[in-house]
Amino acid sequence: MSKPMNLSVRLTTPLTEFVTTRVGAEGDYDNASEYVRDLIRRDREREEQRAFTKLKATLQDAFAQPDEAYVETSLADVKARYKKRTA
């Protein structure tokens, strides 16, 4: 597990006022740190959902192609293409 990170964030007055409404006895969170952690978790979930949606669309497009469009390939070819894309 990685070491916890401390962040210092400067907020404008309108943002500070908004965060204040979300934290404390009247808000949904006990403190600002809890609120920020929840925002980060939700952002991560949105990013994972975007990646899943993109993969799903790619697979749907691939399976929609006619059989004649399929090209036989090997695992080595797939790995090489992946390596080229991520380099």
PDB file of N, CA and C in Angstrom:
ATOM      1  N   MET A   1       0.851  -1.186   0.000  1.00  0.00           N
ATOM      2  CA  MET A   1       0.000   0.000   0.000  1.00  0.00           C
ATOM      3  C   MET A   1       0.890   1.240   0.000  1.00  0.00           C
ATOM      4  N   SER A   2       0.480   2.233  -0.744  1.00  0.00           N
ATOM      5  CA  SER A   2       1.293   3.439  -0.835  1.00  0.00           C
ATOM      6  C   SER A   2       1.108   4.330   0.391  1.00  0.00           C
ATOM      7  N   LYS A   3       2.056   5.212   0.546  1.00  0.00           N
ATOM      8  CA  LYS A   3       2.042   6.148   1.675  1.00  0.00           C
ATOM      9  C   LYS A   3       0.935   7.184   1.470  1.00  0.00           C
ATOM     10  N   PRO A   4       0.183   7.527   2.517  1.00  0.00           N
ATOM     11  CA  PRO A   4      -0.848   8.569   2.395  1.00  0.00           C
ATOM     12  C   PRO A   4      -0.248   9.893   1.938  1.00  0.00           C
ATOM     13  N   MET A   5      -1.028  10.637   1.178  1.00  0.00           N
ATOM     14  CA  MET A   5      -0.583  11.924   0.648  1.00  0.00           C
ATOM     15  C   MET A   5      -1.358  13.043   1.325  1.00  0.00           C
ATOM     16  N   ASN A   6      -0.661  14.066   1.724  1.00  0.00           N
ATOM     17  CA  ASN A   6      -1.308  15.261   2.257  1.00  0.00           C
ATOM     18  C   ASN A   6      -1.389  16.289   1.140  1.00  0.00           C
ATOM     19  N   LEU A   7      -2.551  16.895   0.975  1.00  0.00           N
ATOM     20  CA  LEU A   7      -2.758  17.913  -0.044  1.00  0.00           C
ATOM     21  C   LEU A   7      -3.166  19.217   0.608  1.00  0.00           C
ATOM     22  N   SER A   8      -2.736  20.291   0.015  1.00  0.00           N
ATOM     23  CA  SER A   8      -3.163  21.602   0.454  1.00  0.00           C
ATOM     24  C   SER A   8      -3.825  22.256  -0.749  1.00  0.00           C
ATOM     25  N   VAL A   9      -5.077  22.632  -0.595  1.00  0.00           N
ATOM     26  CA  VAL A   9      -5.840  23.184  -1.709  1.00  0.00           C
ATOM     27  C   VAL A   9      -6.376  24.550  -1.322  1.00  0.00           C
ATOM     28  N   ARG A  10      -6.148  25.518  -2.188  1.00  0.00           N
ATOM     29  CA  ARG A  10      -6.667  26.866  -1.959  1.00  0.00           C
ATOM     30  C   ARG A  10      -7.969  26.998  -2.731  1.00  0.00           C
ATOM     31  N   LEU A  11      -9.028  27.376  -2.037  1.00  0.00           N
ATOM     32  CA  LEU A  11     -10.343  27.522  -2.653  1.00  0.00           C
ATOM     33  C   LEU A  11     -10.761  28.986  -2.677  1.00  0.00           C
ATOM     34  N   THR A  12     -11.517  29.325  -3.709  1.00  0.00           N
ATOM     35  CA  THR A  12     -12.102  30.666  -3.755  1.00  0.00           C
ATOM     36  C   THR A  12     -13.206  30.744  -2.708  1.00  0.00           C
ATOM     37  N   THR A  13     -13.643  31.935  -2.407  1.00  0.00           N
ATOM     38  CA  THR A  13     -14.705  32.113  -1.409  1.00  0.00           C
ATOM     39  C   THR A  13     -15.977  31.355  -1.792  1.00  0.00           C
ATOM     40  N   PRO A  14     -16.444  31.441  -3.040  1.00  0.00           N
ATOM     41  CA  PRO A  14     -17.662  30.683  -3.385  1.00  0.00           C
ATOM     42  C   PRO A  14     -17.492  29.172  -3.204  1.00  0.00           C
ATOM     43  N   LEU A  15     -16.313  28.641  -3.560  1.00  0.00           N
ATOM     44  CA  LEU A  15     -16.092  27.210  -3.365  1.00  0.00           C
ATOM     45  C   LEU A  15     -16.013  26.860  -1.890  1.00  0.00           C
ATOM     46  N   THR A  16     -15.357  27.696  -1.106  1.00  0.00           N
ATOM     47  CA  THR A  16     -15.278  27.472   0.343  1.00  0.00           C
ATOM     48  C   THR A  16     -16.670  27.441   0.950  1.00  0.00           C
ATOM     49  N   GLU A  17     -17.508  28.377   0.553  1.00  0.00           N
ATOM     50  CA  GLU A  17     -18.884  28.411   1.062  1.00  0.00           C
ATOM     51  C   GLU A  17     -19.647  27.157   0.669  1.00  0.00           C
ATOM     52  N   PHE A  18     -19.436  26.685  -0.557  1.00  0.00           N
ATOM     53  CA  PHE A  18     -20.117  25.468  -0.996  1.00  0.00           C
ATOM     54  C   PHE A  18     -19.653  24.267  -0.182  1.00  0.00           C
ATOM     55  N   VAL A  19     -18.344  24.117  -0.017  1.00  0.00           N
ATOM     56  CA  VAL A  19     -17.807  22.993   0.756  1.00  0.00           C
ATOM     57  C   VAL A  19     -18.353  23.041   2.177  1.00  0.00           C
ATOM     58  N   THR A  20     -18.450  24.229   2.744  1.00  0.00           N
ATOM     59  CA  THR A  20     -18.964  24.391   4.102  1.00  0.00           C
ATOM     60  C   THR A  20     -20.387  23.846   4.223  1.00  0.00           C
ATOM     61  N   THR A  21     -21.186  23.992   3.164  1.00  0.00           N
ATOM     62  CA  THR A  21     -22.563  23.471   3.208  1.00  0.00           C
ATOM     63  C   THR A  21     -22.593  21.951   3.151  1.00  0.00           C
ATOM     64  N   ARG A  22     -21.527  21.334   2.644  1.00  0.00           N
ATOM     65  CA  ARG A  22     -21.476  19.876   2.494  1.00  0.00           C
ATOM     66  C   ARG A  22     -20.846  19.176   3.705  1.00  0.00           C
ATOM     67  N   VAL A  23     -20.227  19.958   4.587  1.00  0.00           N
ATOM     68  CA  VAL A  23     -19.459  19.406   5.707  1.00  0.00           C
ATOM     69  C   VAL A  23     -20.073  19.850   7.024  1.00  0.00           C
ATOM     70  N   GLY A  24     -19.983  18.991   8.028  1.00  0.00           N
ATOM     71  CA  GLY A  24     -20.427  19.360   9.376  1.00  0.00           C
ATOM     72  C   GLY A  24     -21.806  18.826   9.695  1.00  0.00           C
ATOM     73  N   ALA A  25     -22.400  19.351  10.738  1.00  0.00           N
ATOM     74  CA  ALA A  25     -23.671  18.863  11.241  1.00  0.00           C
ATOM     75  C   ALA A  25     -24.785  18.940  10.203  1.00  0.00           C
ATOM     76  N   GLU A  26     -24.773  19.956   9.369  1.00  0.00           N
ATOM     77  CA  GLU A  26     -25.816  20.134   8.362  1.00  0.00           C
ATOM     78  C   GLU A  26     -25.492  19.447   7.036  1.00  0.00           C
ATOM     79  N   GLY A  27     -24.246  19.001   6.856  1.00  0.00           N
ATOM     80  CA  GLY A  27     -23.824  18.418   5.583  1.00  0.00           C
ATOM     81  C   GLY A  27     -23.795  16.908   5.590  1.00  0.00           C
ATOM     82  N   ASP A  28     -23.379  16.358   4.476  1.00  0.00           N
ATOM     83  CA  ASP A  28     -23.305  14.906   4.309  1.00  0.00           C
ATOM     84  C   ASP A  28     -21.983  14.315   4.789  1.00  0.00           C
ATOM     85  N   TYR A  29     -20.997  15.155   5.059  1.00  0.00           N
ATOM     86  CA  TYR A  29     -19.656  14.698   5.419  1.00  0.00           C
ATOM     87  C   TYR A  29     -19.241  15.295   6.757  1.00  0.00           C
ATOM     88  N   ASP A  30     -18.424  14.531   7.498  1.00  0.00           N
ATOM     89  CA  ASP A  30     -17.959  15.003   8.804  1.00  0.00           C
ATOM     90  C   ASP A  30     -16.882  16.072   8.690  1.00  0.00           C
ATOM     91  N   ASN A  31     -16.068  15.985   7.612  1.00  0.00           N
ATOM     92  CA  ASN A  31     -14.996  16.961   7.438  1.00  0.00           C
ATOM     93  C   ASN A  31     -14.663  17.107   5.961  1.00  0.00           C
ATOM     94  N   ALA A  32     -13.882  18.115   5.631  1.00  0.00           N
ATOM     95  CA  ALA A  32     -13.539  18.398   4.234  1.00  0.00           C
ATOM     96  C   ALA A  32     -12.717  17.270   3.613  1.00  0.00           C
ATOM     97  N   SER A  33     -11.862  16.635   4.392  1.00  0.00           N
ATOM     98  CA  SER A  33     -11.057  15.528   3.865  1.00  0.00           C
ATOM     99  C   SER A  33     -11.945  14.377   3.393  1.00  0.00           C
ATOM    100  N   GLU A  34     -12.949  14.055   4.184  1.00  0.00           N
ATOM    101  CA  GLU A  34     -13.888  12.992   3.805  1.00  0.00           C
ATOM    102  C   GLU A  34     -14.601  13.359   2.497  1.00  0.00           C
ATOM    103  N   TYR A  35     -14.987  14.604   2.365  1.00  0.00           N
ATOM    104  CA  TYR A  35     -15.656  15.086   1.159  1.00  0.00           C
ATOM    105  C   TYR A  35     -14.733  14.965  -0.061  1.00  0.00           C
ATOM    106  N   VAL A  36     -13.490  15.406   0.075  1.00  0.00           N
ATOM    107  CA  VAL A  36     -12.535  15.342  -1.036  1.00  0.00           C
ATOM    108  C   VAL A  36     -12.261  13.889  -1.417  1.00  0.00           C
ATOM    109  N   ARG A  37     -12.088  13.006  -0.440  1.00  0.00           N
ATOM    110  CA  ARG A  37     -11.863  11.589  -0.743  1.00  0.00           C
ATOM    111  C   ARG A  37     -13.038  11.008  -1.512  1.00  0.00           C
ATOM    112  N   ASP A  38     -14.256  11.372  -1.128  1.00  0.00           N
ATOM    113  CA  ASP A  38     -15.439  10.886  -1.841  1.00  0.00           C
ATOM    114  C   ASP A  38     -15.468  11.416  -3.275  1.00  0.00           C
ATOM    115  N   LEU A  39     -15.126  12.680  -3.469  1.00  0.00           N
ATOM    116  CA  LEU A  39     -15.080  13.242  -4.825  1.00  0.00           C
ATOM    117  C   LEU A  39     -14.062  12.501  -5.683  1.00  0.00           C
ATOM    118  N   ILE A  40     -12.909  12.183  -5.122  1.00  0.00           N
ATOM    119  CA  ILE A  40     -11.870  11.467  -5.869  1.00  0.00           C
ATOM    120  C   ILE A  40     -12.351  10.057  -6.214  1.00  0.00           C
ATOM    121  N   ARG A  41     -12.973   9.372  -5.260  1.00  0.00           N
ATOM    122  CA  ARG A  41     -13.495   8.026  -5.534  1.00  0.00           C
ATOM    123  C   ARG A  41     -14.536   8.066  -6.653  1.00  0.00           C
ATOM    124  N   ARG A  42     -15.425   9.045  -6.607  1.00  0.00           N
ATOM    125  CA  ARG A  42     -16.451   9.157  -7.652  1.00  0.00           C
ATOM    126  C   ARG A  42     -15.827   9.461  -9.011  1.00  0.00           C
ATOM    127  N   ASP A  43     -14.792  10.290  -9.025  1.00  0.00           N
ATOM    128  CA  ASP A  43     -14.108  10.593 -10.270  1.00  0.00           C
ATOM    129  C   ASP A  43     -13.455   9.334 -10.827  1.00  0.00           C
ATOM    130  N   ARG A  44     -12.844   8.541  -9.947  1.00  0.00           N
ATOM    131  CA  ARG A  44     -12.227   7.284 -10.378  1.00  0.00           C
ATOM    132  C   ARG A  44     -13.282   6.349 -10.961  1.00  0.00           C
ATOM    133  N   GLU A  45     -14.436   6.257 -10.315  1.00  0.00           N
ATOM    134  CA  GLU A  45     -15.523   5.418 -10.824  1.00  0.00           C
ATOM    135  C   GLU A  45     -15.996   5.896 -12.199  1.00  0.00           C
ATOM    136  N   ARG A  46     -16.100   7.226 -12.379  1.00  0.00           N
ATOM    137  CA  ARG A  46     -16.501   7.763 -13.695  1.00  0.00           C
ATOM    138  C   ARG A  46     -15.473   7.392 -14.757  1.00  0.00           C
ATOM    139  N   GLU A  47     -14.207   7.489 -14.412  1.00  0.00           N
ATOM    140  CA  GLU A  47     -13.144   7.146 -15.368  1.00  0.00           C
ATOM    141  C   GLU A  47     -13.202   5.669 -15.725  1.00  0.00           C
ATOM    142  N   GLU A  48     -13.426   4.799 -14.736  1.00  0.00           N
ATOM    143  CA  GLU A  48     -13.550   3.367 -15.004  1.00  0.00           C
ATOM    144  C   GLU A  48     -14.765   3.087 -15.883  1.00  0.00           C
ATOM    145  N   GLN A  49     -15.870   3.799 -15.644  1.00  0.00           N
ATOM    146  CA  GLN A  49     -17.073   3.621 -16.451  1.00  0.00           C
ATOM    147  C   GLN A  49     -16.822   4.065 -17.894  1.00  0.00           C
ATOM    148  N   ARG A  50     -16.095   5.189 -18.075  1.00  0.00           N
ATOM    149  CA  ARG A  50     -15.746   5.645 -19.430  1.00  0.00           C
ATOM    150  C   ARG A  50     -14.918   4.595 -20.155  1.00  0.00           C
ATOM    151  N   ALA A  51     -13.941   4.028 -19.470  1.00  0.00           N
ATOM    152  CA  ALA A  51     -13.081   3.011 -20.082  1.00  0.00           C
ATOM    153  C   ALA A  51     -13.898   1.777 -20.455  1.00  0.00           C
ATOM    154  N   PHE A  52     -14.814   1.371 -19.581  1.00  0.00           N
ATOM    155  CA  PHE A  52     -15.659   0.222 -19.863  1.00  0.00           C
ATOM    156  C   PHE A  52     -16.554   0.497 -21.065  1.00  0.00           C
ATOM    157  N   THR A  53     -17.146   1.688 -21.120  1.00  0.00           N
ATOM    158  CA  THR A  53     -18.028   2.047 -22.232  1.00  0.00           C
ATOM    159  C   THR A  53     -17.262   2.039 -23.548  1.00  0.00           C
ATOM    160  N   LYS A  54     -16.026   2.558 -23.522  1.00  0.00           N
ATOM    161  CA  LYS A  54     -15.186   2.574 -24.722  1.00  0.00           C
ATOM    162  C   LYS A  54     -14.865   1.147 -25.168  1.00  0.00           C
ATOM    163  N   LEU A  55     -14.492   0.284 -24.221  1.00  0.00           N
ATOM    164  CA  LEU A  55     -14.192  -1.103 -24.549  1.00  0.00           C
ATOM    165  C   LEU A  55     -15.431  -1.805 -25.102  1.00  0.00           C
ATOM    166  N   LYS A  56     -16.568  -1.570 -24.479  1.00  0.00           N
ATOM    167  CA  LYS A  56     -17.820  -2.188 -24.924  1.00  0.00           C
ATOM    168  C   LYS A  56     -18.136  -1.781 -26.366  1.00  0.00           C
ATOM    169  N   ALA A  57     -17.988  -0.505 -26.681  1.00  0.00           N
ATOM    170  CA  ALA A  57     -18.253  -0.023 -28.041  1.00  0.00           C
ATOM    171  C   ALA A  57     -17.289  -0.656 -29.039  1.00  0.00           C
ATOM    172  N   THR A  58     -16.021  -0.766 -28.644  1.00  0.00           N
ATOM    173  CA  THR A  58     -15.026  -1.383 -29.526  1.00  0.00           C
ATOM    174  C   THR A  58     -15.381  -2.838 -29.806  1.00  0.00           C
ATOM    175  N   LEU A  59     -15.772  -3.558 -28.765  1.00  0.00           N
ATOM    176  CA  LEU A  59     -16.143  -4.965 -28.946  1.00  0.00           C
ATOM    177  C   LEU A  59     -17.417  -5.106 -29.770  1.00  0.00           C
ATOM    178  N   GLN A  60     -18.390  -4.233 -29.550  1.00  0.00           N
ATOM    179  CA  GLN A  60     -19.617  -4.286 -30.334  1.00  0.00           C
ATOM    180  C   GLN A  60     -19.322  -4.041 -31.811  1.00  0.00           C
ATOM    181  N   ASP A  61     -18.453  -3.067 -32.092  1.00  0.00           N
ATOM    182  CA  ASP A  61     -18.062  -2.796 -33.484  1.00  0.00           C
ATOM    183  C   ASP A  61     -17.363  -4.008 -34.090  1.00  0.00           C
ATOM    184  N   ALA A  62     -16.478  -4.629 -33.311  1.00  0.00           N
ATOM    185  CA  ALA A  62     -15.739  -5.786 -33.820  1.00  0.00           C
ATOM    186  C   ALA A  62     -16.677  -6.947 -34.127  1.00  0.00           C
ATOM    187  N   PHE A  63     -17.620  -7.213 -33.235  1.00  0.00           N
ATOM    188  CA  PHE A  63     -18.528  -8.332 -33.457  1.00  0.00           C
ATOM    189  C   PHE A  63     -19.570  -8.047 -34.537  1.00  0.00           C
ATOM    190  N   ALA A  64     -19.742  -6.790 -34.881  1.00  0.00           N
ATOM    191  CA  ALA A  64     -20.694  -6.425 -35.924  1.00  0.00           C
ATOM    192  C   ALA A  64     -20.096  -6.592 -37.324  1.00  0.00           C
ATOM    193  N   GLN A  65     -18.789  -6.798 -37.419  1.00  0.00           N
ATOM    194  CA  GLN A  65     -18.132  -6.946 -38.712  1.00  0.00           C
ATOM    195  C   GLN A  65     -18.492  -8.298 -39.338  1.00  0.00           C
ATOM    196  N   PRO A  66     -18.543  -8.339 -40.668  1.00  0.00           N
ATOM    197  CA  PRO A  66     -18.823  -9.624 -41.335  1.00  0.00           C
ATOM    198  C   PRO A  66     -17.664 -10.593 -41.118  1.00  0.00           C
ATOM    199  N   ASP A  67     -17.958 -11.867 -41.210  1.00  0.00           N
ATOM    200  CA  ASP A  67     -16.932 -12.891 -40.994  1.00  0.00           C
ATOM    201  C   ASP A  67     -15.726 -12.701 -41.902  1.00  0.00           C
ATOM    202  N   GLU A  68     -15.939 -12.205 -43.118  1.00  0.00           N
ATOM    203  CA  GLU A  68     -14.838 -12.021 -44.066  1.00  0.00           C
ATOM    204  C   GLU A  68     -13.827 -10.978 -43.576  1.00  0.00           C
ATOM    205  N   ALA A  69     -14.251 -10.106 -42.656  1.00  0.00           N
ATOM    206  CA  ALA A  69     -13.372  -9.041 -42.157  1.00  0.00           C
ATOM    207  C   ALA A  69     -12.419  -9.529 -41.066  1.00  0.00           C
ATOM    208  N   TYR A  70     -12.681 -10.735 -40.535  1.00  0.00           N
ATOM    209  CA  TYR A  70     -11.828 -11.238 -39.462  1.00  0.00           C
ATOM    210  C   TYR A  70     -10.473 -11.644 -40.019  1.00  0.00           C
ATOM    211  N   VAL A  71      -9.448 -11.328 -39.255  1.00  0.00           N
ATOM    212  CA  VAL A  71      -8.078 -11.671 -39.639  1.00  0.00           C
ATOM    213  C   VAL A  71      -7.498 -12.543 -38.538  1.00  0.00           C
ATOM    214  N   GLU A  72      -6.955 -13.688 -38.928  1.00  0.00           N
ATOM    215  CA  GLU A  72      -6.342 -14.565 -37.946  1.00  0.00           C
ATOM    216  C   GLU A  72      -5.074 -13.901 -37.416  1.00  0.00           C
ATOM    217  N   THR A  73      -4.857 -14.012 -36.127  1.00  0.00           N
ATOM    218  CA  THR A  73      -3.691 -13.388 -35.504  1.00  0.00           C
ATOM    219  C   THR A  73      -3.186 -14.275 -34.379  1.00  0.00           C
ATOM    220  N   SER A  74      -2.021 -13.966 -33.898  1.00  0.00           N
ATOM    221  CA  SER A  74      -1.433 -14.745 -32.811  1.00  0.00           C
ATOM    222  C   SER A  74      -1.345 -13.876 -31.564  1.00  0.00           C
ATOM    223  N   LEU A  75      -1.109 -14.519 -30.454  1.00  0.00           N
ATOM    224  CA  LEU A  75      -0.929 -13.793 -29.205  1.00  0.00           C
ATOM    225  C   LEU A  75       0.272 -12.864 -29.302  1.00  0.00           C
ATOM    226  N   ALA A  76       1.320 -13.296 -29.951  1.00  0.00           N
ATOM    227  CA  ALA A  76       2.512 -12.459 -30.117  1.00  0.00           C
ATOM    228  C   ALA A  76       2.174 -11.190 -30.896  1.00  0.00           C
ATOM    229  N   ASP A  77       1.329 -11.316 -31.934  1.00  0.00           N
ATOM    230  CA  ASP A  77       0.910 -10.137 -32.709  1.00  0.00           C
ATOM    231  C   ASP A  77       0.113  -9.166 -31.843  1.00  0.00           C
ATOM    232  N   VAL A  78      -0.782  -9.701 -31.040  1.00  0.00           N
ATOM    233  CA  VAL A  78      -1.602  -8.859 -30.170  1.00  0.00           C
ATOM    234  C   VAL A  78      -0.714  -8.130 -29.164  1.00  0.00           C
ATOM    235  N   LYS A  79       0.221  -8.843 -28.556  1.00  0.00           N
ATOM    236  CA  LYS A  79       1.138  -8.226 -27.598  1.00  0.00           C
ATOM    237  C   LYS A  79       1.971  -7.137 -28.252  1.00  0.00           C
ATOM    238  N   ALA A  80       2.440  -7.382 -29.471  1.00  0.00           N
ATOM    239  CA  ALA A  80       3.259  -6.394 -30.175  1.00  0.00           C
ATOM    240  C   ALA A  80       2.450  -5.138 -30.477  1.00  0.00           C
ATOM    241  N   ARG A  81       1.194  -5.303 -30.910  1.00  0.00           N
ATOM    242  CA  ARG A  81       0.347  -4.131 -31.184  1.00  0.00           C
ATOM    243  C   ARG A  81       0.068  -3.368 -29.917  1.00  0.00           C
ATOM    244  N   TYR A  82      -0.191  -4.076 -28.801  1.00  0.00           N
ATOM    245  CA  TYR A  82      -0.441  -3.422 -27.524  1.00  0.00           C
ATOM    246  C   TYR A  82       0.790  -2.628 -27.077  1.00  0.00           C
ATOM    247  N   LYS A  83       1.941  -3.261 -27.203  1.00  0.00           N
ATOM    248  CA  LYS A  83       3.185  -2.605 -26.787  1.00  0.00           C
ATOM    249  C   LYS A  83       3.425  -1.337 -27.617  1.00  0.00           C
ATOM    250  N   LYS A  84       3.135  -1.403 -28.912  1.00  0.00           N
ATOM    251  CA  LYS A  84       3.318  -0.264 -29.801  1.00  0.00           C
ATOM    252  C   LYS A  84       2.370   0.876 -29.405  1.00  0.00           C
ATOM    253  N   ARG A  85       1.126   0.548 -29.054  1.00  0.00           N
ATOM    254  CA  ARG A  85       0.135   1.565 -28.668  1.00  0.00           C
ATOM    255  C   ARG A  85       0.457   2.249 -27.349  1.00  0.00           C
ATOM    256  N   THR A  86       1.028   1.505 -26.439  1.00  0.00           N
ATOM    257  CA  THR A  86       1.291   2.055 -25.100  1.00  0.00           C
ATOM    258  C   THR A  86       2.670   2.684 -24.979  1.00  0.00           C
ATOM    259  N   ALA A  87       3.477   2.565 -26.018  1.00  0.00           N
ATOM    260  CA  ALA A  87       4.839   3.136 -25.969  1.00  0.00           C
ATOM    261  C   ALA A  87       4.825   4.632 -26.187  1.00  0.00           C
TER     262      ALA A  87
END
